[in-house]
Amino acid sequence: MEALDTFSRTFLPATALAKLPGGTVARHVQVLRRCAGDRDAVAVIARCTTSRGRRNVLMLTRNRLVVTSESAVLRRVSLHLNADLHQLADVAWTPEPERTGIQLGVTAIDGVRENLWISLDSTAEMWRLDEALKQAFRTPWGVIEPARAATSTASAASAVRATAPVKSRPELRLA
């Protein structure tokens, strides 16, 4: 039996946590895999919408932020955003617990501002995504934890609080 690559090992639990339907996963997986590669670990998968109201899927890995878009009638999947994390500027997000979602804004390398609404099923998922975004964009030399399957909402919330400490770059001291 052949072992799964890193992408497959982390993509499947991430889609299970996001509760994405199998049809949606099947349509988007090829585009997402092409962007991330086989060795990139998936931290978060979530449904999101743009200001145009299109249905999108967001994937955050250790190295990339990828957003795919699906056409309304034919359900064709296309790439909306594919960028290395260091290529994104002015990254800002606002968790909204009362609406169980996160408003995410990023500026891509070409100067286009993307505003995404990420709707989640539970507040535990929202805080898990918030923690992954903090690890990706606010910690120096941060490590994003890959997605893990959780058995319940309580264990998902405890998994968010039990993340490994982030290693930071040693400070340089001048004599």
C-alpha atoms as a PDB file:
ATOM      1  CA  MET A   1       0.000   0.000   0.000  1.00  0.00           C
ATOM      2  CA  GLU A   2       1.349   3.392  -0.978  1.00  0.00           C
ATOM      3  CA  ALA A   3       1.545   6.153   1.643  1.00  0.00           C
ATOM      4  CA  LEU A   4      -0.317   9.411   1.062  1.00  0.00           C
ATOM      5  CA  ASP A   5       1.676  12.530   0.303  1.00  0.00           C
ATOM      6  CA  THR A   6       1.668  15.479   2.718  1.00  0.00           C
ATOM      7  CA  PHE A   7      -1.004  17.375   0.808  1.00  0.00           C
ATOM      8  CA  SER A   8      -3.441  14.440   0.817  1.00  0.00           C
ATOM      9  CA  ARG A   9      -2.761  13.601   4.468  1.00  0.00           C
ATOM     10  CA  THR A  10      -3.624  17.148   5.567  1.00  0.00           C
ATOM     11  CA  PHE A  11      -6.204  18.085   2.903  1.00  0.00           C
ATOM     12  CA  LEU A  12      -8.655  15.337   3.813  1.00  0.00           C
ATOM     13  CA  PRO A  13      -8.879  16.236   7.548  1.00  0.00           C
ATOM     14  CA  ALA A  14      -9.158  19.934   6.651  1.00  0.00           C
ATOM     15  CA  THR A  15     -12.136  19.298   4.370  1.00  0.00           C
ATOM     16  CA  ALA A  16     -13.733  17.133   7.064  1.00  0.00           C
ATOM     17  CA  LEU A  17     -13.336  19.935   9.632  1.00  0.00           C
ATOM     18  CA  ALA A  18     -14.803  22.435   7.157  1.00  0.00           C
ATOM     19  CA  LYS A  19     -17.714  20.067   6.446  1.00  0.00           C
ATOM     20  CA  LEU A  20     -17.401  20.633   2.704  1.00  0.00           C
ATOM     21  CA  PRO A  21     -19.659  18.437   0.541  1.00  0.00           C
ATOM     22  CA  GLY A  22     -17.906  15.708  -1.433  1.00  0.00           C
ATOM     23  CA  GLY A  23     -18.917  17.221  -4.766  1.00  0.00           C
ATOM     24  CA  THR A  24     -17.362  20.573  -3.893  1.00  0.00           C
ATOM     25  CA  VAL A  25     -14.164  18.875  -2.750  1.00  0.00           C
ATOM     26  CA  ALA A  26     -13.997  16.811  -5.952  1.00  0.00           C
ATOM     27  CA  ARG A  27     -14.410  19.894  -8.148  1.00  0.00           C
ATOM     28  CA  HIS A  28     -11.811  22.046  -6.343  1.00  0.00           C
ATOM     29  CA  VAL A  29      -9.131  19.517  -5.354  1.00  0.00           C
ATOM     30  CA  GLN A  30      -7.255  19.433  -8.673  1.00  0.00           C
ATOM     31  CA  VAL A  31      -6.802  23.211  -8.817  1.00  0.00           C
ATOM     32  CA  LEU A  32      -5.834  23.383  -5.138  1.00  0.00           C
ATOM     33  CA  ARG A  33      -3.328  20.525  -5.468  1.00  0.00           C
ATOM     34  CA  ARG A  34      -1.685  22.151  -8.507  1.00  0.00           C
ATOM     35  CA  CYS A  35      -1.172  25.360  -6.530  1.00  0.00           C
ATOM     36  CA  ALA A  36       0.062  23.800  -3.294  1.00  0.00           C
ATOM     37  CA  GLY A  37       2.050  20.850  -4.583  1.00  0.00           C
ATOM     38  CA  ASP A  38       2.394  17.457  -2.930  1.00  0.00           C
ATOM     39  CA  ARG A  39       4.660  18.506  -0.061  1.00  0.00           C
ATOM     40  CA  ASP A  40       2.752  21.494   1.319  1.00  0.00           C
ATOM     41  CA  ALA A  41       0.653  20.830   4.437  1.00  0.00           C
ATOM     42  CA  VAL A  42      -2.874  22.247   4.452  1.00  0.00           C
ATOM     43  CA  ALA A  43      -3.774  24.200   7.591  1.00  0.00           C
ATOM     44  CA  VAL A  44      -7.322  25.368   6.790  1.00  0.00           C
ATOM     45  CA  ILE A  45      -9.953  24.877   4.100  1.00  0.00           C
ATOM     46  CA  ALA A  46     -13.087  27.047   4.208  1.00  0.00           C
ATOM     47  CA  ARG A  47     -15.881  28.328   2.031  1.00  0.00           C
ATOM     48  CA  CYS A  48     -15.768  32.037   1.346  1.00  0.00           C
ATOM     49  CA  THR A  49     -17.472  34.651  -0.790  1.00  0.00           C
ATOM     50  CA  THR A  50     -16.120  37.711  -2.556  1.00  0.00           C
ATOM     51  CA  SER A  51     -17.750  41.085  -3.040  1.00  0.00           C
ATOM     52  CA  ARG A  52     -19.118  39.745  -6.335  1.00  0.00           C
ATOM     53  CA  GLY A  53     -21.025  37.074  -4.445  1.00  0.00           C
ATOM     54  CA  ARG A  54     -19.293  34.114  -6.075  1.00  0.00           C
ATOM     55  CA  ARG A  55     -18.824  30.846  -4.232  1.00  0.00           C
ATOM     56  CA  ASN A  56     -15.167  30.278  -3.441  1.00  0.00           C
ATOM     57  CA  VAL A  57     -12.996  27.869  -1.496  1.00  0.00           C
ATOM     58  CA  LEU A  58     -10.057  29.231   0.512  1.00  0.00           C
ATOM     59  CA  MET A  59      -7.027  27.082   1.339  1.00  0.00           C
ATOM     60  CA  LEU A  60      -4.267  28.208   3.708  1.00  0.00           C
ATOM     61  CA  THR A  61      -1.085  26.142   3.708  1.00  0.00           C
ATOM     62  CA  ARG A  62       2.280  26.650   5.338  1.00  0.00           C
ATOM     63  CA  ASN A  63       3.473  28.599   2.293  1.00  0.00           C
ATOM     64  CA  ARG A  64       0.454  29.758   0.274  1.00  0.00           C
ATOM     65  CA  LEU A  65      -2.995  31.283   0.292  1.00  0.00           C
ATOM     66  CA  VAL A  66      -5.139  29.913  -2.525  1.00  0.00           C
ATOM     67  CA  VAL A  67      -8.713  30.875  -3.394  1.00  0.00           C
ATOM     68  CA  THR A  68     -10.643  29.050  -6.102  1.00  0.00           C
ATOM     69  CA  SER A  69     -13.872  30.274  -7.640  1.00  0.00           C
ATOM     70  CA  GLU A  70     -16.803  28.263  -8.947  1.00  0.00           C
ATOM     71  CA  SER A  71     -19.142  29.475 -11.692  1.00  0.00           C
ATOM     72  CA  ALA A  72     -22.820  29.492 -10.747  1.00  0.00           C
ATOM     73  CA  VAL A  73     -24.344  27.669 -13.708  1.00  0.00           C
ATOM     74  CA  LEU A  74     -21.771  25.181 -14.982  1.00  0.00           C
ATOM     75  CA  ARG A  75     -19.840  24.906 -11.693  1.00  0.00           C
ATOM     76  CA  ARG A  76     -16.512  25.293 -13.440  1.00  0.00           C
ATOM     77  CA  VAL A  77     -13.645  25.885 -11.062  1.00  0.00           C
ATOM     78  CA  SER A  78     -11.069  28.574 -11.761  1.00  0.00           C
ATOM     79  CA  LEU A  79      -8.222  30.089  -9.815  1.00  0.00           C
ATOM     80  CA  HIS A  80      -9.091  33.380  -8.100  1.00  0.00           C
ATOM     81  CA  LEU A  81      -5.965  33.982  -5.973  1.00  0.00           C
ATOM     82  CA  ASN A  82      -2.720  32.035  -5.656  1.00  0.00           C
ATOM     83  CA  ALA A  83       0.061  33.722  -3.702  1.00  0.00           C
ATOM     84  CA  ASP A  84       2.953  32.913  -1.423  1.00  0.00           C
ATOM     85  CA  LEU A  85       2.314  34.258   2.063  1.00  0.00           C
ATOM     86  CA  HIS A  86       5.258  36.667   1.809  1.00  0.00           C
ATOM     87  CA  GLN A  87       3.770  38.136  -1.404  1.00  0.00           C
ATOM     88  CA  LEU A  88       0.634  39.345   0.377  1.00  0.00           C
ATOM     89  CA  ALA A  89       0.541  42.812   1.917  1.00  0.00           C
ATOM     90  CA  ASP A  90      -1.854  44.668   4.205  1.00  0.00           C
ATOM     91  CA  VAL A  91      -3.333  41.444   5.529  1.00  0.00           C
ATOM     92  CA  ALA A  92      -6.138  42.183   7.964  1.00  0.00           C
ATOM     93  CA  TRP A  93      -8.918  40.040   9.336  1.00  0.00           C
ATOM     94  CA  THR A  94     -11.747  40.534  11.779  1.00  0.00           C
ATOM     95  CA  PRO A  95     -13.350  37.586  13.572  1.00  0.00           C
ATOM     96  CA  GLU A  96     -17.075  38.106  14.062  1.00  0.00           C
ATOM     97  CA  PRO A  97     -18.327  35.553  16.618  1.00  0.00           C
ATOM     98  CA  GLU A  98     -21.958  36.681  16.418  1.00  0.00           C
ATOM     99  CA  ARG A  99     -22.001  35.911  12.661  1.00  0.00           C
ATOM    100  CA  THR A 100     -19.590  32.930  12.995  1.00  0.00           C
ATOM    101  CA  GLY A 101     -17.204  34.151  10.345  1.00  0.00           C
ATOM    102  CA  ILE A 102     -14.119  36.144   9.517  1.00  0.00           C
ATOM    103  CA  GLN A 103     -13.748  39.159   7.223  1.00  0.00           C
ATOM    104  CA  LEU A 104     -10.356  38.812   5.492  1.00  0.00           C
ATOM    105  CA  GLY A 105      -8.651  41.480   3.413  1.00  0.00           C
ATOM    106  CA  VAL A 106      -5.360  40.999   1.542  1.00  0.00           C
ATOM    107  CA  THR A 107      -3.506  42.921  -1.118  1.00  0.00           C
ATOM    108  CA  ALA A 108      -1.925  40.696  -3.751  1.00  0.00           C
ATOM    109  CA  ILE A 109       1.444  41.357  -5.345  1.00  0.00           C
ATOM    110  CA  ASP A 110      -0.258  42.977  -8.370  1.00  0.00           C
ATOM    111  CA  GLY A 111      -1.870  45.591  -6.082  1.00  0.00           C
ATOM    112  CA  VAL A 112      -5.410  44.204  -6.226  1.00  0.00           C
ATOM    113  CA  ARG A 113      -7.218  44.264  -2.870  1.00  0.00           C
ATOM    114  CA  GLU A 114      -9.200  41.122  -2.122  1.00  0.00           C
ATOM    115  CA  ASN A 115     -11.963  41.176   0.487  1.00  0.00           C
ATOM    116  CA  LEU A 116     -13.337  37.787   1.476  1.00  0.00           C
ATOM    117  CA  TRP A 117     -16.088  36.762   3.868  1.00  0.00           C
ATOM    118  CA  ILE A 118     -15.309  33.353   5.371  1.00  0.00           C
ATOM    119  CA  SER A 119     -18.427  31.794   6.838  1.00  0.00           C
ATOM    120  CA  LEU A 120     -17.816  28.957   9.298  1.00  0.00           C
ATOM    121  CA  ASP A 121     -20.070  26.417  11.010  1.00  0.00           C
ATOM    122  CA  SER A 122     -18.951  26.986  14.593  1.00  0.00           C
ATOM    123  CA  THR A 123     -17.063  29.468  16.719  1.00  0.00           C
ATOM    124  CA  ALA A 124     -14.409  26.797  17.389  1.00  0.00           C
ATOM    125  CA  GLU A 125     -13.648  26.685  13.651  1.00  0.00           C
ATOM    126  CA  MET A 126     -13.586  30.477  13.529  1.00  0.00           C
ATOM    127  CA  TRP A 127     -10.998  30.679  16.326  1.00  0.00           C
ATOM    128  CA  ARG A 128      -8.960  27.884  14.699  1.00  0.00           C
ATOM    129  CA  LEU A 129      -8.833  29.893  11.458  1.00  0.00           C
ATOM    130  CA  ASP A 130      -7.986  33.033  13.429  1.00  0.00           C
ATOM    131  CA  GLU A 131      -5.074  31.205  15.087  1.00  0.00           C
ATOM    132  CA  ALA A 132      -3.843  29.865  11.725  1.00  0.00           C
ATOM    133  CA  LEU A 133      -3.932  33.396  10.261  1.00  0.00           C
ATOM    134  CA  LYS A 134      -1.981  34.704  13.271  1.00  0.00           C
ATOM    135  CA  GLN A 135       0.643  32.004  12.815  1.00  0.00           C
ATOM    136  CA  ALA A 136       0.886  32.725   9.102  1.00  0.00           C
ATOM    137  CA  PHE A 137       1.027  36.522   9.121  1.00  0.00           C
ATOM    138  CA  ARG A 138       1.913  37.841  12.597  1.00  0.00           C
ATOM    139  CA  THR A 139       4.671  35.611  13.902  1.00  0.00           C
ATOM    140  CA  PRO A 140       8.216  35.715  12.572  1.00  0.00           C
ATOM    141  CA  TRP A 141       9.296  32.356  11.224  1.00  0.00           C
ATOM    142  CA  GLY A 142       5.941  30.948  12.323  1.00  0.00           C
ATOM    143  CA  VAL A 143       4.876  27.391  11.752  1.00  0.00           C
ATOM    144  CA  ILE A 144       1.278  26.737  10.757  1.00  0.00           C
ATOM    145  CA  GLU A 145      -0.134  23.581  12.253  1.00  0.00           C
ATOM    146  CA  PRO A 146      -1.712  21.242   9.682  1.00  0.00           C
ATOM    147  CA  ALA A 147      -5.362  20.348  10.033  1.00  0.00           C
ATOM    148  CA  ARG A 148      -6.243  17.438  12.286  1.00  0.00           C
ATOM    149  CA  ALA A 149      -9.543  15.622  12.457  1.00  0.00           C
ATOM    150  CA  ALA A 150     -11.425  16.382  15.671  1.00  0.00           C
ATOM    151  CA  THR A 151     -14.093  14.169  17.178  1.00  0.00           C
ATOM    152  CA  SER A 152     -16.200  16.944  18.643  1.00  0.00           C
ATOM    153  CA  THR A 153     -16.517  20.692  18.883  1.00  0.00           C
ATOM    154  CA  ALA A 154     -15.022  20.659  22.380  1.00  0.00           C
ATOM    155  CA  SER A 155     -11.955  18.769  21.221  1.00  0.00           C
ATOM    156  CA  ALA A 156     -11.593  21.153  18.263  1.00  0.00           C
ATOM    157  CA  ALA A 157     -11.615  24.108  20.657  1.00  0.00           C
ATOM    158  CA  SER A 158      -9.031  22.437  22.889  1.00  0.00           C
ATOM    159  CA  ALA A 159      -6.889  21.653  19.828  1.00  0.00           C
ATOM    160  CA  VAL A 160      -6.837  25.383  19.019  1.00  0.00           C
ATOM    161  CA  ARG A 161      -5.612  26.237  22.510  1.00  0.00           C
ATOM    162  CA  ALA A 162      -3.029  23.434  22.502  1.00  0.00           C
ATOM    163  CA  THR A 163      -1.051  24.556  19.485  1.00  0.00           C
ATOM    164  CA  ALA A 164       2.696  24.211  19.609  1.00  0.00           C
ATOM    165  CA  PRO A 165       4.678  27.284  20.585  1.00  0.00           C
ATOM    166  CA  VAL A 166       5.894  29.311  17.654  1.00  0.00           C
ATOM    167  CA  LYS A 167       9.646  29.485  17.222  1.00  0.00           C
ATOM    168  CA  SER A 168      10.830  32.989  16.583  1.00  0.00           C
ATOM    169  CA  ARG A 169      13.955  34.320  14.979  1.00  0.00           C
ATOM    170  CA  PRO A 170      16.768  34.976  17.486  1.00  0.00           C
ATOM    171  CA  GLU A 171      17.349  38.650  18.164  1.00  0.00           C
ATOM    172  CA  LEU A 172      20.515  40.156  16.794  1.00  0.00           C
ATOM    173  CA  ARG A 173      22.560  42.070  19.314  1.00  0.00           C
ATOM    174  CA  LEU A 174      25.156  44.574  18.331  1.00  0.00           C
ATOM    175  CA  ALA A 175      28.205  45.021  20.525  1.00  0.00           C
END
